[in-house]
PDB file of N, CA and C in Angstrom:
ATOM      1  N   MET A   1      99.955  92.514  69.986  1.00  0.00           N
ATOM      2  CA  MET A   1     100.273  93.210  71.208  1.00  0.00           C
ATOM      3  C   MET A   1      99.656  92.443  72.380  1.00  0.00           C
ATOM      4  N   LEU A   2     100.442  92.263  73.418  1.00  0.00           N
ATOM      5  CA  LEU A   2      99.981  91.543  74.600  1.00  0.00           C
ATOM      6  C   LEU A   2      99.378  92.518  75.597  1.00  0.00           C
ATOM      7  N   VAL A   3      98.141  92.271  75.979  1.00  0.00           N
ATOM      8  CA  VAL A   3      97.479  93.087  76.995  1.00  0.00           C
ATOM      9  C   VAL A   3      97.286  92.209  78.215  1.00  0.00           C
ATOM     10  N   LYS A   4      98.027  92.531  79.255  1.00  0.00           N
ATOM     11  CA  LYS A   4      97.950  91.727  80.475  1.00  0.00           C
ATOM     12  C   LYS A   4      96.620  91.998  81.174  1.00  0.00           C
ATOM     13  N   ASN A   5      96.060  90.960  81.749  1.00  0.00           N
ATOM     14  CA  ASN A   5      94.803  91.022  82.499  1.00  0.00           C
ATOM     15  C   ASN A   5      93.607  91.412  81.616  1.00  0.00           C
ATOM     16  N   ARG A   6      93.699  91.168  80.326  1.00  0.00           N
ATOM     17  CA  ARG A   6      92.591  91.493  79.438  1.00  0.00           C
ATOM     18  C   ARG A   6      91.344  90.682  79.786  1.00  0.00           C
ATOM     19  N   SER A   7      91.541  89.442  80.193  1.00  0.00           N
ATOM     20  CA  SER A   7      90.389  88.593  80.500  1.00  0.00           C
ATOM     21  C   SER A   7      89.828  88.846  81.895  1.00  0.00           C
ATOM     22  N   LYS A   8      90.583  89.515  82.757  1.00  0.00           N
ATOM     23  CA  LYS A   8      90.101  89.858  84.096  1.00  0.00           C
ATOM     24  C   LYS A   8      89.652  91.315  84.063  1.00  0.00           C
ATOM     25  N   SER A   9      88.388  91.530  83.736  1.00  0.00           N
ATOM     26  CA  SER A   9      87.920  92.889  83.466  1.00  0.00           C
ATOM     27  C   SER A   9      88.040  93.809  84.680  1.00  0.00           C
ATOM     28  N   SER A  10      87.823  93.307  85.885  1.00  0.00           N
ATOM     29  CA  SER A  10      87.910  94.187  87.055  1.00  0.00           C
ATOM     30  C   SER A  10      89.348  94.651  87.287  1.00  0.00           C
ATOM     31  N   VAL A  11      90.319  93.772  87.097  1.00  0.00           N
ATOM     32  CA  VAL A  11      91.732  94.145  87.250  1.00  0.00           C
ATOM     33  C   VAL A  11      92.127  95.111  86.141  1.00  0.00           C
ATOM     34  N   HIS A  12      91.749  94.798  84.918  1.00  0.00           N
ATOM     35  CA  HIS A  12      92.075  95.649  83.772  1.00  0.00           C
ATOM     36  C   HIS A  12      91.476  97.053  83.957  1.00  0.00           C
ATOM     37  N   ALA A  13      90.229  97.110  84.413  1.00  0.00           N
ATOM     38  CA  ALA A  13      89.553  98.397  84.619  1.00  0.00           C
ATOM     39  C   ALA A  13      90.259  99.234  85.675  1.00  0.00           C
ATOM     40  N   ARG A  14      90.752  98.606  86.716  1.00  0.00           N
ATOM     41  CA  ARG A  14      91.460  99.351  87.763  1.00  0.00           C
ATOM     42  C   ARG A  14      92.776  99.929  87.235  1.00  0.00           C
ATOM     43  N   TYR A  15      93.488  99.164  86.425  1.00  0.00           N
ATOM     44  CA  TYR A  15      94.718  99.686  85.832  1.00  0.00           C
ATOM     45  C   TYR A  15      94.418 100.827  84.853  1.00  0.00           C
ATOM     46  N   ILE A  16      93.355 100.716  84.102  1.00  0.00           N
ATOM     47  CA  ILE A  16      92.961 101.776  83.177  1.00  0.00           C
ATOM     48  C   ILE A  16      92.600 103.035  83.965  1.00  0.00           C
ATOM     49  N   LEU A  17      91.862 102.878  85.064  1.00  0.00           N
ATOM     50  CA  LEU A  17      91.505 104.014  85.899  1.00  0.00           C
ATOM     51  C   LEU A  17      92.750 104.690  86.460  1.00  0.00           C
ATOM     52  N   ALA A  18      93.696 103.896  86.941  1.00  0.00           N
ATOM     53  CA  ALA A  18      94.934 104.457  87.485  1.00  0.00           C
ATOM     54  C   ALA A  18      95.707 105.201  86.393  1.00  0.00           C
ATOM     55  N   THR A  19      95.666 104.689  85.191  1.00  0.00           N
ATOM     56  CA  THR A  19      96.317 105.373  84.081  1.00  0.00           C
ATOM     57  C   THR A  19      95.633 106.708  83.805  1.00  0.00           C
ATOM     58  N   ALA A  20      94.314 106.722  83.851  1.00  0.00           N
ATOM     59  CA  ALA A  20      93.564 107.960  83.617  1.00  0.00           C
ATOM     60  C   ALA A  20      93.834 108.985  84.723  1.00  0.00           C
ATOM     61  N   LEU A  21      94.092 108.534  85.929  1.00  0.00           N
ATOM     62  CA  LEU A  21      94.376 109.461  87.030  1.00  0.00           C
ATOM     63  C   LEU A  21      95.653 110.255  86.795  1.00  0.00           C
ATOM     64  N   THR A  22      96.500 109.783  85.919  1.00  0.00           N
ATOM     65  CA  THR A  22      97.712 110.513  85.581  1.00  0.00           C
ATOM     66  C   THR A  22      97.368 111.885  85.008  1.00  0.00           C
ATOM     67  N   LEU A  23      96.245 111.987  84.338  1.00  0.00           N
ATOM     68  CA  LEU A  23      95.812 113.267  83.771  1.00  0.00           C
ATOM     69  C   LEU A  23      95.253 114.217  84.825  1.00  0.00           C
ATOM     70  N   LEU A  24      94.897 113.694  85.978  1.00  0.00           N
ATOM     71  CA  LEU A  24      94.325 114.525  87.035  1.00  0.00           C
ATOM     72  C   LEU A  24      95.334 115.554  87.541  1.00  0.00           C
ATOM     73  N   GLY A  25      96.593 115.156  87.671  1.00  0.00           N
ATOM     74  CA  GLY A  25      97.615 116.052  88.196  1.00  0.00           C
ATOM     75  C   GLY A  25      97.785 117.324  87.387  1.00  0.00           C
ATOM     76  N   PRO A  26      98.104 117.217  86.101  1.00  0.00           N
ATOM     77  CA  PRO A  26      98.248 118.430  85.297  1.00  0.00           C
ATOM     78  C   PRO A  26      96.968 119.259  85.223  1.00  0.00           C
ATOM     79  N   THR A  27      95.817 118.606  85.240  1.00  0.00           N
ATOM     80  CA  THR A  27      94.551 119.331  85.196  1.00  0.00           C
ATOM     81  C   THR A  27      94.366 120.165  86.448  1.00  0.00           C
ATOM     82  N   VAL A  28      94.584 119.564  87.609  1.00  0.00           N
ATOM     83  CA  VAL A  28      94.449 120.284  88.874  1.00  0.00           C
ATOM     84  C   VAL A  28      95.471 121.417  88.945  1.00  0.00           C
ATOM     85  N   ASP A  29      96.711 121.136  88.538  1.00  0.00           N
ATOM     86  CA  ASP A  29      97.750 122.176  88.526  1.00  0.00           C
ATOM     87  C   ASP A  29      97.304 123.390  87.725  1.00  0.00           C
ATOM     88  N   ARG A  30      96.838 123.153  86.528  1.00  0.00           N
ATOM     89  CA  ARG A  30      96.477 124.264  85.643  1.00  0.00           C
ATOM     90  C   ARG A  30      95.270 125.030  86.156  1.00  0.00           C
ATOM     91  N   ILE A  31      94.318 124.336  86.735  1.00  0.00           N
ATOM     92  CA  ILE A  31      93.159 125.027  87.324  1.00  0.00           C
ATOM     93  C   ILE A  31      93.606 125.925  88.468  1.00  0.00           C
ATOM     94  N   LEU A  32      94.459 125.403  89.336  1.00  0.00           N
ATOM     95  CA  LEU A  32      94.926 126.209  90.469  1.00  0.00           C
ATOM     96  C   LEU A  32      95.771 127.396  90.029  1.00  0.00           C
ATOM     97  N   VAL A  33      96.596 127.201  89.017  1.00  0.00           N
ATOM     98  CA  VAL A  33      97.488 128.276  88.572  1.00  0.00           C
ATOM     99  C   VAL A  33      96.750 129.291  87.707  1.00  0.00           C
ATOM    100  N   PHE A  34      96.014 128.833  86.700  1.00  0.00           N
ATOM    101  CA  PHE A  34      95.417 129.765  85.742  1.00  0.00           C
ATOM    102  C   PHE A  34      94.082 130.337  86.197  1.00  0.00           C
ATOM    103  N   VAL A  35      93.277 129.562  86.894  1.00  0.00           N
ATOM    104  CA  VAL A  35      91.972 130.055  87.323  1.00  0.00           C
ATOM    105  C   VAL A  35      92.076 130.765  88.671  1.00  0.00           C
ATOM    106  N   PHE A  36      92.760 130.140  89.634  1.00  0.00           N
ATOM    107  CA  PHE A  36      92.831 130.702  90.981  1.00  0.00           C
ATOM    108  C   PHE A  36      94.112 131.503  91.232  1.00  0.00           C
ATOM    109  N   LYS A  37      94.989 131.582  90.226  1.00  0.00           N
ATOM    110  CA  LYS A  37      96.234 132.360  90.313  1.00  0.00           C
ATOM    111  C   LYS A  37      97.112 131.970  91.498  1.00  0.00           C
ATOM    112  N   LEU A  38      97.160 130.682  91.811  1.00  0.00           N
ATOM    113  CA  LEU A  38      98.004 130.175  92.890  1.00  0.00           C
ATOM    114  C   LEU A  38      99.289 129.616  92.307  1.00  0.00           C
ATOM    115  N   GLU A  39     100.411 130.109  92.766  1.00  0.00           N
ATOM    116  CA  GLU A  39     101.702 129.547  92.363  1.00  0.00           C
ATOM    117  C   GLU A  39     102.222 128.594  93.429  1.00  0.00           C
ATOM    118  N   LYS A  40     101.955 128.934  94.669  1.00  0.00           N
ATOM    119  CA  LYS A  40     102.339 128.097  95.802  1.00  0.00           C
ATOM    120  C   LYS A  40     101.217 128.139  96.809  1.00  0.00           C
ATOM    121  N   LEU A  41     101.136 127.112  97.611  1.00  0.00           N
ATOM    122  CA  LEU A  41     100.156 127.068  98.690  1.00  0.00           C
ATOM    123  C   LEU A  41     100.749 127.760  99.907  1.00  0.00           C
ATOM    124  N   PRO A  42      99.936 128.011 100.932  1.00  0.00           N
ATOM    125  CA  PRO A  42     100.494 128.586 102.159  1.00  0.00           C
ATOM    126  C   PRO A  42     101.653 127.723 102.664  1.00  0.00           C
ATOM    127  N   ALA A  43     102.592 128.354 103.324  1.00  0.00           N
ATOM    128  CA  ALA A  43     103.800 127.702 103.853  1.00  0.00           C
ATOM    129  C   ALA A  43     104.698 127.216 102.715  1.00  0.00           C
ATOM    130  N   SER A  44     104.598 127.850 101.551  1.00  0.00           N
ATOM    131  CA  SER A  44     105.447 127.540 100.386  1.00  0.00           C
ATOM    132  C   SER A  44     105.385 126.081  99.948  1.00  0.00           C
ATOM    133  N   VAL A  45     104.239 125.463 100.107  1.00  0.00           N
ATOM    134  CA  VAL A  45     104.042 124.084  99.638  1.00  0.00           C
ATOM    135  C   VAL A  45     103.855 124.135  98.127  1.00  0.00           C
ATOM    136  N   PRO A  46     104.612 123.333  97.377  1.00  0.00           N
ATOM    137  CA  PRO A  46     104.460 123.350  95.913  1.00  0.00           C
ATOM    138  C   PRO A  46     103.041 122.970  95.489  1.00  0.00           C
ATOM    139  N   ILE A  47     102.561 123.622  94.448  1.00  0.00           N
ATOM    140  CA  ILE A  47     101.200 123.396  93.950  1.00  0.00           C
ATOM    141  C   ILE A  47     101.006 121.961  93.470  1.00  0.00           C
ATOM    142  N   GLU A  48     102.094 121.308  93.052  1.00  0.00           N
ATOM    143  CA  GLU A  48     102.002 119.924  92.589  1.00  0.00           C
ATOM    144  C   GLU A  48     101.510 118.983  93.691  1.00  0.00           C
ATOM    145  N   THR A  49     101.748 119.367  94.927  1.00  0.00           N
ATOM    146  CA  THR A  49     101.339 118.539  96.057  1.00  0.00           C
ATOM    147  C   THR A  49      99.834 118.299  96.052  1.00  0.00           C
ATOM    148  N   VAL A  50      99.064 119.320  95.712  1.00  0.00           N
ATOM    149  CA  VAL A  50      97.603 119.181  95.660  1.00  0.00           C
ATOM    150  C   VAL A  50      97.210 118.170  94.595  1.00  0.00           C
ATOM    151  N   ALA A  51      97.844 118.252  93.445  1.00  0.00           N
ATOM    152  CA  ALA A  51      97.534 117.321  92.355  1.00  0.00           C
ATOM    153  C   ALA A  51      97.897 115.903  92.753  1.00  0.00           C
ATOM    154  N   PHE A  52      99.067 115.729  93.365  1.00  0.00           N
ATOM    155  CA  PHE A  52      99.480 114.395  93.791  1.00  0.00           C
ATOM    156  C   PHE A  52      98.520 113.843  94.838  1.00  0.00           C
ATOM    157  N   LEU A  53      98.176 114.663  95.806  1.00  0.00           N
ATOM    158  CA  LEU A  53      97.278 114.190  96.868  1.00  0.00           C
ATOM    159  C   LEU A  53      95.882 113.869  96.343  1.00  0.00           C
ATOM    160  N   SER A  54      95.428 114.597  95.330  1.00  0.00           N
ATOM    161  CA  SER A  54      94.093 114.300  94.794  1.00  0.00           C
ATOM    162  C   SER A  54      94.074 112.939  94.105  1.00  0.00           C
ATOM    163  N   ALA A  55      95.098 112.622  93.335  1.00  0.00           N
ATOM    164  CA  ALA A  55      95.161 111.305  92.687  1.00  0.00           C
ATOM    165  C   ALA A  55      95.332 110.206  93.742  1.00  0.00           C
ATOM    166  N   ASP A  56      96.185 110.454  94.732  1.00  0.00           N
ATOM    167  CA  ASP A  56      96.375 109.474  95.804  1.00  0.00           C
ATOM    168  C   ASP A  56      95.075 109.236  96.565  1.00  0.00           C
ATOM    169  N   ALA A  57      94.329 110.312  96.820  1.00  0.00           N
ATOM    170  CA  ALA A  57      93.068 110.188  97.556  1.00  0.00           C
ATOM    171  C   ALA A  57      92.066 109.328  96.791  1.00  0.00           C
ATOM    172  N   VAL A  58      91.991 109.504  95.487  1.00  0.00           N
ATOM    173  CA  VAL A  58      91.070 108.697  94.683  1.00  0.00           C
ATOM    174  C   VAL A  58      91.456 107.214  94.778  1.00  0.00           C
ATOM    175  N   ILE A  59      92.742 106.924  94.654  1.00  0.00           N
ATOM    176  CA  ILE A  59      93.184 105.524  94.734  1.00  0.00           C
ATOM    177  C   ILE A  59      92.925 104.957  96.126  1.00  0.00           C
ATOM    178  N   VAL A  60      93.208 105.739  97.165  1.00  0.00           N
ATOM    179  CA  VAL A  60      92.981 105.259  98.532  1.00  0.00           C
ATOM    180  C   VAL A  60      91.493 105.004  98.775  1.00  0.00           C
ATOM    181  N   LEU A  61      90.631 105.882  98.292  1.00  0.00           N
ATOM    182  CA  LEU A  61      89.189 105.665  98.455  1.00  0.00           C
ATOM    183  C   LEU A  61      88.724 104.397  97.734  1.00  0.00           C
ATOM    184  N   LEU A  62      89.226 104.188  96.518  1.00  0.00           N
ATOM    185  CA  LEU A  62      88.864 102.971  95.786  1.00  0.00           C
ATOM    186  C   LEU A  62      89.434 101.726  96.462  1.00  0.00           C
ATOM    187  N   LEU A  63      90.628 101.866  96.993  1.00  0.00           N
ATOM    188  CA  LEU A  63      91.255 100.766  97.722  1.00  0.00           C
ATOM    189  C   LEU A  63      90.438 100.414  98.958  1.00  0.00           C
ATOM    190  N   TRP A  64      90.010 101.423  99.675  1.00  0.00           N
ATOM    191  CA  TRP A  64      89.172 101.210 100.871  1.00  0.00           C
ATOM    192  C   TRP A  64      87.843 100.566 100.482  1.00  0.00           C
ATOM    193  N   LYS A  65      87.236 101.033  99.390  1.00  0.00           N
ATOM    194  CA  LYS A  65      85.967 100.453  98.925  1.00  0.00           C
ATOM    195  C   LYS A  65      86.135  98.977  98.567  1.00  0.00           C
ATOM    196  N   ASP A  66      87.217  98.641  97.865  1.00  0.00           N
ATOM    197  CA  ASP A  66      87.463  97.238  97.527  1.00  0.00           C
ATOM    198  C   ASP A  66      87.698  96.398  98.783  1.00  0.00           C
ATOM    199  N   TYR A  67      88.418  96.950  99.732  1.00  0.00           N
ATOM    200  CA  TYR A  67      88.676  96.230 100.980  1.00  0.00           C
ATOM    201  C   TYR A  67      87.372  95.958 101.738  1.00  0.00           C
ATOM    202  N   ILE A  68      86.517  96.953 101.835  1.00  0.00           N
ATOM    203  CA  ILE A  68      85.229  96.805 102.519  1.00  0.00           C
ATOM    204  C   ILE A  68      84.355  95.769 101.822  1.00  0.00           C
ATOM    205  N   ASN A  69      84.388  95.753 100.493  1.00  0.00           N
ATOM    206  CA  ASN A  69      83.557  94.828  99.711  1.00  0.00           C
ATOM    207  C   ASN A  69      84.226  93.482  99.467  1.00  0.00           C
ATOM    208  N   LYS A  70      85.349  93.238 100.155  1.00  0.00           N
ATOM    209  CA  LYS A  70      86.062  91.955 100.101  1.00  0.00           C
ATOM    210  C   LYS A  70      86.533  91.601  98.688  1.00  0.00           C
ATOM    211  N   ARG A  71      86.928  92.623  97.927  1.00  0.00           N
ATOM    212  CA  ARG A  71      87.515  92.397  96.607  1.00  0.00           C
ATOM    213  C   ARG A  71      89.032  92.432  96.750  1.00  0.00           C
ATOM    214  N   THR A  72      89.705  91.938  95.740  1.00  0.00           N
ATOM    215  CA  THR A  72      91.157  91.965  95.776  1.00  0.00           C
ATOM    216  C   THR A  72      91.653  93.411  95.723  1.00  0.00           C
ATOM    217  N   THR A  73      92.668  93.697  96.520  1.00  0.00           N
ATOM    218  CA  THR A  73      93.215  95.046  96.575  1.00  0.00           C
ATOM    219  C   THR A  73      94.607  95.133  95.937  1.00  0.00           C
ATOM    220  N   GLN A  74      95.096  94.035  95.420  1.00  0.00           N
ATOM    221  CA  GLN A  74      96.456  93.994  94.877  1.00  0.00           C
ATOM    222  C   GLN A  74      96.672  95.011  93.762  1.00  0.00           C
ATOM    223  N   THR A  75      95.730  95.125  92.854  1.00  0.00           N
ATOM    224  CA  THR A  75      95.873  96.028  91.717  1.00  0.00           C
ATOM    225  C   THR A  75      96.009  97.473  92.182  1.00  0.00           C
ATOM    226  N   LEU A  76      95.118  97.907  93.049  1.00  0.00           N
ATOM    227  CA  LEU A  76      95.159  99.288  93.508  1.00  0.00           C
ATOM    228  C   LEU A  76      96.351  99.551  94.417  1.00  0.00           C
ATOM    229  N   ARG A  77      96.781  98.545  95.163  1.00  0.00           N
ATOM    230  CA  ARG A  77      97.997  98.718  95.978  1.00  0.00           C
ATOM    231  C   ARG A  77      99.203  98.924  95.066  1.00  0.00           C
ATOM    232  N   ASN A  78      99.271  98.161  93.974  1.00  0.00           N
ATOM    233  CA  ASN A  78     100.353  98.355  92.997  1.00  0.00           C
ATOM    234  C   ASN A  78     100.315  99.761  92.415  1.00  0.00           C
ATOM    235  N   CYS A  79      99.123 100.203  92.046  1.00  0.00           N
ATOM    236  CA  CYS A  79      98.969 101.537  91.462  1.00  0.00           C
ATOM    237  C   CYS A  79      99.389 102.617  92.454  1.00  0.00           C
ATOM    238  N   LEU A  80      98.961 102.493  93.699  1.00  0.00           N
ATOM    239  CA  LEU A  80      99.317 103.480  94.707  1.00  0.00           C
ATOM    240  C   LEU A  80     100.824 103.507  94.934  1.00  0.00           C
ATOM    241  N   LEU A  81     101.424 102.354  94.968  1.00  0.00           N
ATOM    242  CA  LEU A  81     102.879 102.275  95.148  1.00  0.00           C
ATOM    243  C   LEU A  81     103.610 102.957  93.987  1.00  0.00           C
ATOM    244  N   ILE A  82     103.164 102.697  92.776  1.00  0.00           N
ATOM    245  CA  ILE A  82     103.779 103.325  91.601  1.00  0.00           C
ATOM    246  C   ILE A  82     103.629 104.840  91.662  1.00  0.00           C
ATOM    247  N   TYR A  83     102.445 105.309  92.016  1.00  0.00           N
ATOM    248  CA  TYR A  83     102.224 106.744  92.139  1.00  0.00           C
ATOM    249  C   TYR A  83     103.118 107.354  93.215  1.00  0.00           C
ATOM    250  N   LEU A  84     103.192 106.729  94.381  1.00  0.00           N
ATOM    251  CA  LEU A  84     103.989 107.276  95.479  1.00  0.00           C
ATOM    252  C   LEU A  84     105.471 107.334  95.136  1.00  0.00           C
ATOM    253  N   VAL A  85     105.977 106.298  94.485  1.00  0.00           N
ATOM    254  CA  VAL A  85     107.386 106.305  94.074  1.00  0.00           C
ATOM    255  C   VAL A  85     107.624 107.433  93.065  1.00  0.00           C
ATOM    256  N   GLY A  86     106.745 107.575  92.112  1.00  0.00           N
ATOM    257  CA  GLY A  86     106.876 108.645  91.125  1.00  0.00           C
ATOM    258  C   GLY A  86     106.814 110.028  91.756  1.00  0.00           C
ATOM    259  N   GLU A  87     105.941 110.196  92.719  1.00  0.00           N
ATOM    260  CA  GLU A  87     105.805 111.479  93.403  1.00  0.00           C
ATOM    261  C   GLU A  87     107.055 111.809  94.215  1.00  0.00           C
ATOM    262  N   MET A  88     107.591 110.810  94.891  1.00  0.00           N
ATOM    263  CA  MET A  88     108.824 111.045  95.650  1.00  0.00           C
ATOM    264  C   MET A  88     109.967 111.414  94.711  1.00  0.00           C
ATOM    265  N   LEU A  89     110.066 110.695  93.598  1.00  0.00           N
ATOM    266  CA  LEU A  89     111.126 110.996  92.637  1.00  0.00           C
ATOM    267  C   LEU A  89     110.969 112.394  92.045  1.00  0.00           C
ATOM    268  N   PHE A  90     109.739 112.839  91.877  1.00  0.00           N
ATOM    269  CA  PHE A  90     109.475 114.171  91.337  1.00  0.00           C
ATOM    270  C   PHE A  90     110.126 115.248  92.200  1.00  0.00           C
ATOM    271  N   PHE A  91     110.092 115.052  93.513  1.00  0.00           N
ATOM    272  CA  PHE A  91     110.653 116.047  94.412  1.00  0.00           C
ATOM    273  C   PHE A  91     112.139 115.819  94.700  1.00  0.00           C
ATOM    274  N   ILE A  92     112.607 114.586  94.608  1.00  0.00           N
ATOM    275  CA  ILE A  92     113.987 114.270  94.988  1.00  0.00           C
ATOM    276  C   ILE A  92     114.954 114.385  93.818  1.00  0.00           C
ATOM    277  N   VAL A  93     114.611 113.807  92.691  1.00  0.00           N
ATOM    278  CA  VAL A  93     115.540 113.678  91.565  1.00  0.00           C
ATOM    279  C   VAL A  93     115.997 115.018  90.990  1.00  0.00           C
ATOM    280  N   PRO A  94     115.113 115.999  90.743  1.00  0.00           N
ATOM    281  CA  PRO A  94     115.591 117.234  90.111  1.00  0.00           C
ATOM    282  C   PRO A  94     116.692 117.955  90.892  1.00  0.00           C
ATOM    283  N   GLY A  95     116.777 117.800  92.187  1.00  0.00           N
ATOM    284  CA  GLY A  95     117.816 118.454  92.961  1.00  0.00           C
ATOM    285  C   GLY A  95     119.081 117.635  93.115  1.00  0.00           C
ATOM    286  N   SER A  96     119.092 116.424  92.602  1.00  0.00           N
ATOM    287  CA  SER A  96     120.249 115.555  92.799  1.00  0.00           C
ATOM    288  C   SER A  96     121.389 115.911  91.839  1.00  0.00           C
ATOM    289  N   ASP A  97     122.613 115.584  92.240  1.00  0.00           N
ATOM    290  CA  ASP A  97     123.785 115.867  91.408  1.00  0.00           C
ATOM    291  C   ASP A  97     123.731 115.111  90.087  1.00  0.00           C
ATOM    292  N   GLY A  98     123.322 113.843  90.145  1.00  0.00           N
ATOM    293  CA  GLY A  98     123.234 113.043  88.926  1.00  0.00           C
ATOM    294  C   GLY A  98     122.280 113.647  87.920  1.00  0.00           C
ATOM    295  N   TRP A  99     121.156 114.114  88.376  1.00  0.00           N
ATOM    296  CA  TRP A  99     120.164 114.734  87.483  1.00  0.00           C
ATOM    297  C   TRP A  99     120.711 116.034  86.898  1.00  0.00           C
ATOM    298  N   GLN A 100     121.374 116.823  87.733  1.00  0.00           N
ATOM    299  CA  GLN A 100     121.936 118.078  87.258  1.00  0.00           C
ATOM    300  C   GLN A 100     122.995 117.839  86.177  1.00  0.00           C
ATOM    301  N   ARG A 101     123.844 116.827  86.384  1.00  0.00           N
ATOM    302  CA  ARG A 101     124.858 116.499  85.373  1.00  0.00           C
ATOM    303  C   ARG A 101     124.205 116.004  84.085  1.00  0.00           C
ATOM    304  N   PHE A 102     123.178 115.164  84.216  1.00  0.00           N
ATOM    305  CA  PHE A 102     122.469 114.652  83.047  1.00  0.00           C
ATOM    306  C   PHE A 102     121.840 115.801  82.259  1.00  0.00           C
ATOM    307  N   MET A 103     121.185 116.728  82.947  1.00  0.00           N
ATOM    308  CA  MET A 103     120.547 117.842  82.260  1.00  0.00           C
ATOM    309  C   MET A 103     121.577 118.776  81.622  1.00  0.00           C
ATOM    310  N   ALA A 104     122.717 118.976  82.294  1.00  0.00           N
ATOM    311  CA  ALA A 104     123.783 119.802  81.707  1.00  0.00           C
ATOM    312  C   ALA A 104     124.299 119.156  80.422  1.00  0.00           C
ATOM    313  N   PHE A 105     124.413 117.830  80.420  1.00  0.00           N
ATOM    314  CA  PHE A 105     124.854 117.108  79.232  1.00  0.00           C
ATOM    315  C   PHE A 105     123.825 117.234  78.107  1.00  0.00           C
ATOM    316  N   ILE A 106     122.554 117.060  78.434  1.00  0.00           N
ATOM    317  CA  ILE A 106     121.479 117.134  77.434  1.00  0.00           C
ATOM    318  C   ILE A 106     121.375 118.541  76.861  1.00  0.00           C
ATOM    319  N   MET A 107     121.535 119.554  77.687  1.00  0.00           N
ATOM    320  CA  MET A 107     121.345 120.929  77.254  1.00  0.00           C
ATOM    321  C   MET A 107     122.594 121.547  76.624  1.00  0.00           C
ATOM    322  N   LYS A 108     123.705 120.805  76.621  1.00  0.00           N
ATOM    323  CA  LYS A 108     124.938 121.328  76.050  1.00  0.00           C
ATOM    324  C   LYS A 108     124.766 121.500  74.544  1.00  0.00           C
ATOM    325  N   PRO A 109     125.100 122.671  74.043  1.00  0.00           N
ATOM    326  CA  PRO A 109     124.935 122.895  72.592  1.00  0.00           C
ATOM    327  C   PRO A 109     125.861 121.975  71.796  1.00  0.00           C
ATOM    328  N   THR A 110     125.392 121.563  70.657  1.00  0.00           N
ATOM    329  CA  THR A 110     126.228 120.716  69.782  1.00  0.00           C
ATOM    330  C   THR A 110     127.032 121.625  68.873  1.00  0.00           C
ATOM    331  N   PRO A 111     128.268 121.228  68.576  1.00  0.00           N
ATOM    332  CA  PRO A 111     129.135 122.071  67.716  1.00  0.00           C
ATOM    333  C   PRO A 111     128.685 122.054  66.276  1.00  0.00           C
TER     334      PRO A 111
END
């Protein structure tokens, strides 16, 4: 198995951290829903927004720290971009016609 950036421990560690941040979203969601009984935030903002912003905030803080310490920021910029694209798709794709047709096809009972 090929592990990219295995020899560059700082780059590898940043990608591993970004991967671990993926778990932050569902954790924050469940805490807000099950512990604090929040289904939506004020102004009908979806609860997922808090989870997305918390992961984004962690990446932005680490990105800022690397920038201040004159370290390469490419890895964290890539991670932030991937997260932002995924977050936008989370809100856009489920309402699209293509997604609705795909889900109707998947959910169609088999004879």
